[in-house]
Amino acid sequence: MRRLAGYRHQEIAARSGAVSGQIQFNDGGAYENYMGLWSQLAAESFLAWLAPRPGLRWLDVGCGSGAFTATIIEWCAPAAVDGIDPSQAQIEFARTRPALSVAQFRQGDAMELPYAAESFDAAVMALVIFFVPEPARGVGEMARVVRPGGIVAAYAWDMAGGGFPYAALQAEMRAMGVAVPVPPSPDASRLEAMQSLWAGAGLEAVETREISVQRTFADFNEYWTAILGGPSVGPQLAAMSSTQLTALKGRLQPHLPTDASGRITYGARANAVKGRKPQ
């Protein structure tokens, strides 16, 4: 049986204080506010590092709301762009973005890409690899669908190293006894793991790097609105009492650097990897 047509809907094992549950991506607009801007900030550094030539055929694996897909179109002058994601809701949201009218989207699984071998010049994963239950299989699929000499690359929040943009929020929720689910393969975002995965897929000229970004929220209310739409924390926040929410807000304040006007600016860190398919 196909894996529910998607790695994002897998049952998540209990670890790091979380219980079994599901991280589901059913609201493209809410996810865009929660993670889309973070993704775009990291994407600009990532694509500058890849330095691809124009006119390539791209595949965005785990395209989600289309934030990274739009950055490819804006920055890379592609000949064509395809996006694939297990969430139909995310795909439908991506299709509403005017910048993505030239892109082709379909629903599918990163571990069973529905494309012929050597269909693309570049295959990329943006903030996805920790959601793939078998990361090596996902990387192998990207390598399969890329032509010889093509690019296979990814970036992902440094989950193990505290680089996730909402790590402080999740830590405080768990400290209050609230179970927050985690993705199935958080260790796959470590630099050493990425290096090993890419080498294991037979890719050459493998390189890794860190990407640091900062995001500014106008005030605490803007930050709070964003996290309410988070797929891993939104349902838990909705289930908390007003007393618990007030306590959580108080616990969060020391972690959110605020200037005199109330703006909140803080950073996140992603790990990136790239390699080429042998000629």
Protein backbone atom coordinates (compact mmCIF):
# COMPACT_ATOMS: atom_id res chain seq x y z
CA MET A 1 0.00 0.00 0.00
CA ARG A 2 1.34 3.43 -0.93
CA ARG A 3 2.47 5.47 2.11
CA LEU A 4 -0.71 7.55 2.41
CA ALA A 5 0.65 9.34 -0.67
CA GLY A 6 2.95 11.27 1.57
CA TYR A 7 5.72 11.33 4.14
CA ARG A 8 4.27 14.38 5.92
CA HIS A 9 1.30 12.35 7.11
CA GLN A 10 3.30 9.53 8.64
CA GLU A 11 2.72 8.49 12.22
CA ILE A 12 5.46 10.21 14.23
CA ALA A 13 7.35 8.21 16.83
CA ALA A 14 7.60 9.54 20.36
CA ARG A 15 10.95 11.19 21.04
CA SER A 16 12.32 14.34 22.69
CA GLY A 17 9.36 14.43 25.02
CA ALA A 18 6.76 14.22 22.24
CA VAL A 19 4.11 11.57 21.85
CA SER A 20 2.95 9.75 18.75
CA GLY A 21 0.84 12.00 16.55
CA GLN A 22 0.63 13.51 13.12
CA ILE A 23 2.00 16.71 11.68
CA GLN A 24 -0.51 17.54 8.97
CA PHE A 25 -0.23 20.34 6.43
CA ASN A 26 -3.83 21.17 5.63
CA ASP A 27 -3.79 24.99 5.50
CA GLY A 28 -1.48 26.52 2.91
CA GLY A 29 -2.18 30.09 3.97
CA ALA A 30 -1.45 29.45 7.64
CA TYR A 31 1.73 27.56 6.79
CA GLU A 32 2.86 30.41 4.55
CA ASN A 33 2.59 32.86 7.48
CA TYR A 34 4.26 30.41 9.86
CA MET A 35 7.14 29.17 7.71
CA GLY A 36 6.96 30.63 4.19
CA LEU A 37 8.97 33.79 4.91
CA TRP A 38 11.58 31.83 6.87
CA SER A 39 11.93 29.52 3.88
CA GLN A 40 12.37 32.39 1.44
CA LEU A 41 15.03 34.02 3.62
CA ALA A 42 17.08 30.83 3.66
CA ALA A 43 16.33 30.11 0.00
CA GLU A 44 18.07 33.25 -1.25
CA SER A 45 21.37 32.29 0.41
CA PHE A 46 20.92 28.67 -0.67
CA LEU A 47 20.36 29.49 -4.34
CA ALA A 48 23.24 31.97 -4.39
CA TRP A 49 25.44 29.14 -3.08
CA LEU A 50 24.18 26.73 -5.76
CA ALA A 51 24.87 29.37 -8.44
CA PRO A 52 22.90 27.48 -11.12
CA ARG A 53 22.99 28.56 -14.73
CA PRO A 54 19.70 29.80 -16.26
CA GLY A 55 17.45 27.60 -18.35
CA LEU A 56 17.40 24.51 -16.12
CA ARG A 57 14.49 22.14 -15.56
CA TRP A 58 13.83 22.12 -11.79
CA LEU A 59 11.99 19.76 -9.44
CA ASP A 60 10.97 21.09 -6.02
CA VAL A 61 10.42 18.02 -3.81
CA GLY A 62 8.05 18.77 -0.93
CA CYS A 63 7.09 22.10 -2.49
CA GLY A 64 4.45 22.84 0.16
CA SER A 65 2.88 26.28 -0.26
CA GLY A 66 5.26 27.13 -3.09
CA ALA A 67 7.47 29.61 -1.22
CA PHE A 68 10.71 28.02 -2.43
CA THR A 69 9.28 27.31 -5.89
CA ALA A 70 8.56 31.02 -6.30
CA THR A 71 12.14 31.85 -5.30
CA ILE A 72 13.48 29.49 -7.98
CA ILE A 73 11.41 31.29 -10.60
CA GLU A 74 12.45 34.72 -9.37
CA TRP A 75 16.18 34.01 -8.99
CA CYS A 76 17.09 31.25 -11.44
CA ALA A 77 15.37 31.92 -14.81
CA PRO A 78 14.34 28.26 -15.13
CA ALA A 79 13.17 26.66 -18.35
CA ALA A 80 10.54 24.74 -16.35
CA VAL A 81 9.65 24.07 -12.72
CA ASP A 82 7.72 21.14 -11.26
CA GLY A 83 6.63 20.86 -7.66
CA ILE A 84 5.45 17.78 -5.79
CA ASP A 85 3.97 17.48 -2.31
CA PRO A 86 1.79 14.94 -0.47
CA SER A 87 -0.61 17.64 0.77
CA GLN A 88 -3.32 18.53 -1.74
CA ALA A 89 -4.20 21.59 0.35
CA GLN A 90 -0.65 22.90 0.03
CA ILE A 91 -0.63 22.30 -3.71
CA GLU A 92 -3.95 24.09 -4.14
CA PHE A 93 -2.56 27.08 -2.24
CA ALA A 94 0.60 27.10 -4.37
CA ARG A 95 -1.52 27.20 -7.52
CA THR A 96 -3.16 30.43 -6.33
CA ARG A 97 0.18 32.30 -6.29
CA PRO A 98 0.46 34.46 -9.43
CA ALA A 99 4.23 33.93 -9.56
CA LEU A 100 3.68 30.17 -9.90
CA SER A 101 1.36 30.21 -12.90
CA VAL A 102 4.17 28.74 -15.02
CA ALA A 103 4.91 25.89 -12.59
CA GLN A 104 3.45 22.38 -12.73
CA PHE A 105 2.29 20.77 -9.47
CA ARG A 106 1.23 17.28 -8.53
CA GLN A 107 0.55 15.27 -5.41
CA GLY A 108 3.04 12.54 -4.56
CA ASP A 109 5.63 10.98 -2.29
CA ALA A 110 9.32 11.97 -2.07
CA MET A 111 10.26 8.30 -1.72
CA GLU A 112 8.40 7.31 -4.91
CA LEU A 113 8.75 10.25 -7.29
CA PRO A 114 6.34 9.82 -10.22
CA TYR A 115 8.82 10.98 -12.85
CA ALA A 116 10.98 9.18 -15.38
CA ALA A 117 14.72 8.91 -14.85
CA GLU A 118 16.80 11.89 -15.98
CA SER A 119 13.77 14.20 -16.30
CA PHE A 120 15.33 17.25 -14.59
CA ASP A 121 18.53 19.27 -14.43
CA ALA A 122 18.12 20.03 -10.71
CA ALA A 123 16.18 18.39 -7.88
CA VAL A 124 15.95 20.21 -4.55
CA MET A 125 14.36 19.80 -1.11
CA ALA A 126 13.65 22.90 0.95
CA LEU A 127 12.93 22.23 4.65
CA VAL A 128 11.77 18.73 3.85
CA ILE A 129 14.37 16.03 4.47
CA PHE A 130 13.49 15.61 8.17
CA PHE A 131 9.91 14.80 7.13
CA VAL A 132 11.01 11.86 4.95
CA PRO A 133 10.80 8.59 6.93
CA GLU A 134 13.59 7.05 4.81
CA PRO A 135 15.85 9.98 3.89
CA ALA A 136 18.31 7.84 1.91
CA ARG A 137 15.48 6.63 -0.27
CA GLY A 138 14.32 10.20 -0.89
CA VAL A 139 17.82 11.35 -1.87
CA GLY A 140 18.15 8.32 -4.13
CA GLU A 141 14.91 9.26 -5.87
CA MET A 142 16.15 12.81 -6.47
CA ALA A 143 19.35 11.42 -7.95
CA ARG A 144 17.36 9.05 -10.17
CA VAL A 145 15.23 11.77 -11.77
CA VAL A 146 18.18 14.13 -12.42
CA ARG A 147 20.22 13.88 -15.60
CA PRO A 148 23.96 13.05 -15.46
CA GLY A 149 25.79 16.18 -14.36
CA GLY A 150 22.63 17.55 -12.74
CA ILE A 151 22.28 19.11 -9.29
CA VAL A 152 20.81 17.41 -6.22
CA ALA A 153 20.58 19.74 -3.23
CA ALA A 154 18.69 20.51 -0.03
CA TYR A 155 18.54 22.74 3.00
CA ALA A 156 16.86 22.01 6.31
CA TRP A 157 16.66 23.57 9.75
CA ASP A 158 19.37 22.30 12.07
CA MET A 159 16.90 20.46 14.29
CA ALA A 160 19.50 18.76 16.49
CA GLY A 161 21.52 21.96 16.90
CA GLY A 162 18.64 24.23 17.90
CA GLY A 163 18.40 26.01 14.56
CA PHE A 164 14.64 25.58 14.10
CA PRO A 165 12.94 29.02 14.10
CA TYR A 166 10.42 28.01 16.75
CA ALA A 167 12.70 25.83 18.90
CA ALA A 168 12.19 28.06 21.97
CA LEU A 169 8.42 27.86 21.62
CA GLN A 170 8.44 24.08 21.38
CA ALA A 171 10.85 23.77 24.32
CA GLU A 172 8.63 25.90 26.56
CA MET A 173 5.52 23.98 25.54
CA ARG A 174 7.19 20.69 26.41
CA ALA A 175 8.41 22.15 29.71
CA MET A 176 4.76 22.81 30.52
CA GLY A 177 3.89 19.19 29.78
CA VAL A 178 2.41 19.80 26.33
CA ALA A 179 3.38 17.07 23.87
CA VAL A 180 4.65 18.54 20.59
CA PRO A 181 5.14 16.05 17.73
CA VAL A 182 8.45 15.93 15.91
CA PRO A 183 9.18 14.95 12.30
CA PRO A 184 10.22 11.35 11.69
CA SER A 185 13.86 12.02 10.71
CA PRO A 186 15.21 15.07 12.58
CA ASP A 187 18.79 13.74 12.56
CA ALA A 188 18.80 13.87 8.75
CA SER A 189 19.26 17.64 8.98
CA ARG A 190 22.72 17.36 10.59
CA LEU A 191 25.58 18.39 8.30
CA GLU A 192 27.34 15.05 8.77
CA ALA A 193 24.14 13.16 7.99
CA MET A 194 23.56 15.18 4.83
CA GLN A 195 27.13 14.59 3.68
CA SER A 196 26.66 10.85 4.22
CA LEU A 197 23.26 10.71 2.50
CA TRP A 198 24.53 12.49 -0.61
CA ALA A 199 27.68 10.39 -0.81
CA GLY A 200 25.60 7.25 -0.25
CA ALA A 201 23.42 8.15 -3.23
CA GLY A 202 26.52 8.13 -5.44
CA LEU A 203 26.63 11.90 -5.89
CA GLU A 204 29.93 13.68 -6.55
CA ALA A 205 31.48 17.01 -5.49
CA VAL A 206 29.37 16.95 -2.33
CA GLU A 207 29.59 20.13 -0.25
CA THR A 208 27.79 21.32 2.87
CA ARG A 209 27.37 24.67 4.59
CA GLU A 210 25.38 26.49 7.27
CA ILE A 211 22.86 29.22 6.45
CA SER A 212 21.87 31.76 9.12
CA VAL A 213 18.85 34.04 8.69
CA GLN A 214 16.88 36.55 10.76
CA ARG A 215 13.20 37.42 10.69
CA THR A 216 11.48 40.45 12.21
CA PHE A 217 7.92 40.41 13.57
CA ALA A 218 6.19 43.78 13.99
CA ASP A 219 5.20 42.86 17.54
CA PHE A 220 4.30 39.91 19.77
CA ASN A 221 0.80 39.72 18.30
CA GLU A 222 2.22 39.14 14.80
CA TYR A 223 4.49 36.42 16.18
CA TRP A 224 1.60 34.79 18.05
CA THR A 225 -0.67 34.86 14.98
CA ALA A 226 2.05 33.12 12.98
CA ILE A 227 2.58 30.30 15.46
CA LEU A 228 -1.15 29.60 15.75
CA GLY A 229 -0.95 28.29 12.18
CA GLY A 230 2.03 26.04 12.83
CA PRO A 231 1.21 22.44 11.87
CA SER A 232 3.27 21.00 14.75
CA VAL A 233 2.05 23.44 17.45
CA GLY A 234 -1.25 24.94 16.27
CA PRO A 235 -3.53 22.09 17.40
CA GLN A 236 -1.78 21.93 20.79
CA LEU A 237 -2.11 25.70 21.30
CA ALA A 238 -5.79 25.53 20.39
CA ALA A 239 -6.32 22.86 23.06
CA MET A 240 -4.61 24.81 25.86
CA SER A 241 -6.61 26.77 28.44
CA SER A 242 -6.43 30.55 28.65
CA THR A 243 -4.43 30.17 31.87
CA GLN A 244 -1.92 27.91 30.13
CA LEU A 245 -1.64 30.27 27.17
CA THR A 246 -0.97 33.22 29.44
CA ALA A 247 1.73 31.24 31.21
CA LEU A 248 3.27 30.18 27.90
CA LYS A 249 3.40 33.77 26.67
CA GLY A 250 5.20 34.77 29.85
CA ARG A 251 7.73 31.96 29.44
CA LEU A 252 8.36 32.93 25.82
CA GLN A 253 9.08 36.61 26.37
CA PRO A 254 12.72 36.16 27.50
CA HIS A 255 13.46 34.21 24.30
CA LEU A 256 12.13 36.90 21.94
CA PRO A 257 14.51 39.88 21.56
CA THR A 258 12.30 42.98 21.47
CA ASP A 259 13.36 46.54 20.63
CA ALA A 260 11.91 49.78 21.99
CA SER A 261 9.14 49.83 19.38
CA GLY A 262 8.07 46.25 20.19
CA ARG A 263 9.56 44.61 17.11
CA ILE A 264 10.89 41.10 17.60
CA THR A 265 13.96 39.99 15.65
CA TYR A 266 15.70 36.67 16.06
CA GLY A 267 17.56 34.14 13.98
CA ALA A 268 17.40 30.57 12.75
CA ARG A 269 19.99 28.27 11.23
CA ALA A 270 19.75 25.78 8.39
CA ASN A 271 22.16 23.20 7.05
CA ALA A 272 22.58 22.82 3.30
CA VAL A 273 24.07 20.23 0.98
CA LYS A 274 24.69 19.95 -2.75
CA GLY A 275 26.15 17.41 -5.12
CA ARG A 276 26.16 16.39 -8.76
CA LYS A 277 25.10 13.18 -10.47
CA PRO A 278 28.09 11.54 -12.14
CA GLN A 279 28.36 11.96 -15.92
